[in-house]
Amino acid sequence: MTIEEIKIKLEDAFPGATIELINTSSMHVGHGAKGYHLKTTIEYSGFRGLSLIEQHRLVQKALKDELNGIIHALSIKTIV
């Protein structure tokens, strides 16, 4: 799965959201981790009324399979 395919998966999970997804893997070369290191910012009106933890859990749920596989680390910033 490519970074673009991961972004599309987020866009499908959060329709109408503004999503930025950055591959930061190059900053982690040498520590032996396998998989992508990603940083995402998601601005989504559907987060309104949810706690920060609930917002992040929704993002983690959307990428559950990838977080158990090709994504080693994911930094999440959510905006309502």
C-alpha atoms as a PDB file:
ATOM      1  CA  MET A   1       0.000   0.000   0.000  1.00  0.00           C
ATOM      2  CA  THR A   2       1.282   3.435  -0.917  1.00  0.00           C
ATOM      3  CA  ILE A   3       1.083   6.684   1.044  1.00  0.00           C
ATOM      4  CA  GLU A   4      -1.501   7.936  -1.465  1.00  0.00           C
ATOM      5  CA  GLU A   5      -3.653   4.832  -0.873  1.00  0.00           C
ATOM      6  CA  ILE A   6      -3.480   5.435   2.884  1.00  0.00           C
ATOM      7  CA  LYS A   7      -4.589   9.040   2.334  1.00  0.00           C
ATOM      8  CA  ILE A   8      -7.511   7.856   0.194  1.00  0.00           C
ATOM      9  CA  LYS A   9      -8.523   5.484   2.978  1.00  0.00           C
ATOM     10  CA  LEU A  10      -8.572   8.427   5.412  1.00  0.00           C
ATOM     11  CA  GLU A  11     -10.568  10.531   2.948  1.00  0.00           C
ATOM     12  CA  ASP A  12     -13.123   7.721   2.672  1.00  0.00           C
ATOM     13  CA  ALA A  13     -13.365   7.448   6.472  1.00  0.00           C
ATOM     14  CA  PHE A  14     -13.694  11.223   6.960  1.00  0.00           C
ATOM     15  CA  PRO A  15     -15.705  12.570   4.003  1.00  0.00           C
ATOM     16  CA  GLY A  16     -15.270  16.265   3.406  1.00  0.00           C
ATOM     17  CA  ALA A  17     -12.237  16.476   5.684  1.00  0.00           C
ATOM     18  CA  THR A  18      -9.061  18.331   4.855  1.00  0.00           C
ATOM     19  CA  ILE A  19      -6.294  15.767   5.249  1.00  0.00           C
ATOM     20  CA  GLU A  20      -2.549  16.209   5.156  1.00  0.00           C
ATOM     21  CA  LEU A  21      -0.426  13.064   5.275  1.00  0.00           C
ATOM     22  CA  ILE A  22       3.362  13.329   5.389  1.00  0.00           C
ATOM     23  CA  ASN A  23       5.854  10.493   5.191  1.00  0.00           C
ATOM     24  CA  THR A  24       8.512  11.163   7.859  1.00  0.00           C
ATOM     25  CA  SER A  25      10.224   7.785   7.494  1.00  0.00           C
ATOM     26  CA  SER A  26      13.465   9.361   6.277  1.00  0.00           C
ATOM     27  CA  MET A  27      13.858  11.032   9.689  1.00  0.00           C
ATOM     28  CA  HIS A  28      13.982   7.610  11.359  1.00  0.00           C
ATOM     29  CA  VAL A  29      16.546   5.796   9.244  1.00  0.00           C
ATOM     30  CA  GLY A  30      18.914   3.675  11.289  1.00  0.00           C
ATOM     31  CA  HIS A  31      16.774   2.673  14.224  1.00  0.00           C
ATOM     32  CA  GLY A  32      15.762  -0.582  12.572  1.00  0.00           C
ATOM     33  CA  ALA A  33      12.001  -0.079  12.503  1.00  0.00           C
ATOM     34  CA  LYS A  34      10.150  -1.506   9.543  1.00  0.00           C
ATOM     35  CA  GLY A  35       7.197   0.326   8.077  1.00  0.00           C
ATOM     36  CA  TYR A  36       6.119   3.874   7.453  1.00  0.00           C
ATOM     37  CA  HIS A  37       6.473   6.736   9.910  1.00  0.00           C
ATOM     38  CA  LEU A  38       3.619   9.097   9.088  1.00  0.00           C
ATOM     39  CA  LYS A  39       2.308  12.424  10.323  1.00  0.00           C
ATOM     40  CA  THR A  40      -1.290  13.394   9.635  1.00  0.00           C
ATOM     41  CA  THR A  41      -3.406  16.454  10.237  1.00  0.00           C
ATOM     42  CA  ILE A  42      -7.139  16.008   9.767  1.00  0.00           C
ATOM     43  CA  GLU A  43      -9.612  18.876   9.894  1.00  0.00           C
ATOM     44  CA  TYR A  44     -13.073  17.351  10.115  1.00  0.00           C
ATOM     45  CA  SER A  45     -16.370  18.758  11.345  1.00  0.00           C
ATOM     46  CA  GLY A  46     -17.384  15.262  12.459  1.00  0.00           C
ATOM     47  CA  PHE A  47     -14.909  15.564  15.334  1.00  0.00           C
ATOM     48  CA  ARG A  48     -17.101  18.272  16.921  1.00  0.00           C
ATOM     49  CA  GLY A  49     -18.204  17.249  20.410  1.00  0.00           C
ATOM     50  CA  LEU A  50     -15.654  14.457  20.679  1.00  0.00           C
ATOM     51  CA  SER A  51     -12.708  14.450  23.056  1.00  0.00           C
ATOM     52  CA  LEU A  52      -9.208  14.459  21.611  1.00  0.00           C
ATOM     53  CA  ILE A  53      -8.835  10.805  22.584  1.00  0.00           C
ATOM     54  CA  GLU A  54     -12.077   9.905  20.800  1.00  0.00           C
ATOM     55  CA  GLN A  55     -10.934  11.792  17.689  1.00  0.00           C
ATOM     56  CA  HIS A  56      -7.600   9.976  17.638  1.00  0.00           C
ATOM     57  CA  ARG A  57      -9.290   6.625  18.197  1.00  0.00           C
ATOM     58  CA  LEU A  58     -11.424   7.228  15.101  1.00  0.00           C
ATOM     59  CA  VAL A  59      -8.284   7.843  13.051  1.00  0.00           C
ATOM     60  CA  GLN A  60      -6.618   4.750  14.504  1.00  0.00           C
ATOM     61  CA  LYS A  61      -9.741   2.688  13.780  1.00  0.00           C
ATOM     62  CA  ALA A  62      -9.760   3.867  10.150  1.00  0.00           C
ATOM     63  CA  LEU A  63      -6.160   2.668   9.764  1.00  0.00           C
ATOM     64  CA  LYS A  64      -6.389  -0.383  12.034  1.00  0.00           C
ATOM     65  CA  ASP A  65      -5.057  -2.866   9.462  1.00  0.00           C
ATOM     66  CA  GLU A  66      -2.232  -0.571   8.401  1.00  0.00           C
ATOM     67  CA  LEU A  67      -1.230   0.157  12.022  1.00  0.00           C
ATOM     68  CA  ASN A  68      -0.938  -3.590  12.532  1.00  0.00           C
ATOM     69  CA  GLY A  69       1.225  -3.860   9.432  1.00  0.00           C
ATOM     70  CA  ILE A  70       2.843  -1.283   7.177  1.00  0.00           C
ATOM     71  CA  ILE A  71       2.616   1.736   9.494  1.00  0.00           C
ATOM     72  CA  HIS A  72       5.211   1.684  12.271  1.00  0.00           C
ATOM     73  CA  ALA A  73       4.392   5.092  13.763  1.00  0.00           C
ATOM     74  CA  LEU A  74       1.592   7.595  13.254  1.00  0.00           C
ATOM     75  CA  SER A  75       1.517  11.137  14.603  1.00  0.00           C
ATOM     76  CA  ILE A  76      -2.040  12.506  14.638  1.00  0.00           C
ATOM     77  CA  LYS A  77      -3.301  16.079  14.860  1.00  0.00           C
ATOM     78  CA  THR A  78      -7.039  16.613  14.656  1.00  0.00           C
ATOM     79  CA  ILE A  79      -8.873  19.887  14.148  1.00  0.00           C
ATOM     80  CA  VAL A  80     -12.613  20.547  14.412  1.00  0.00           C
END
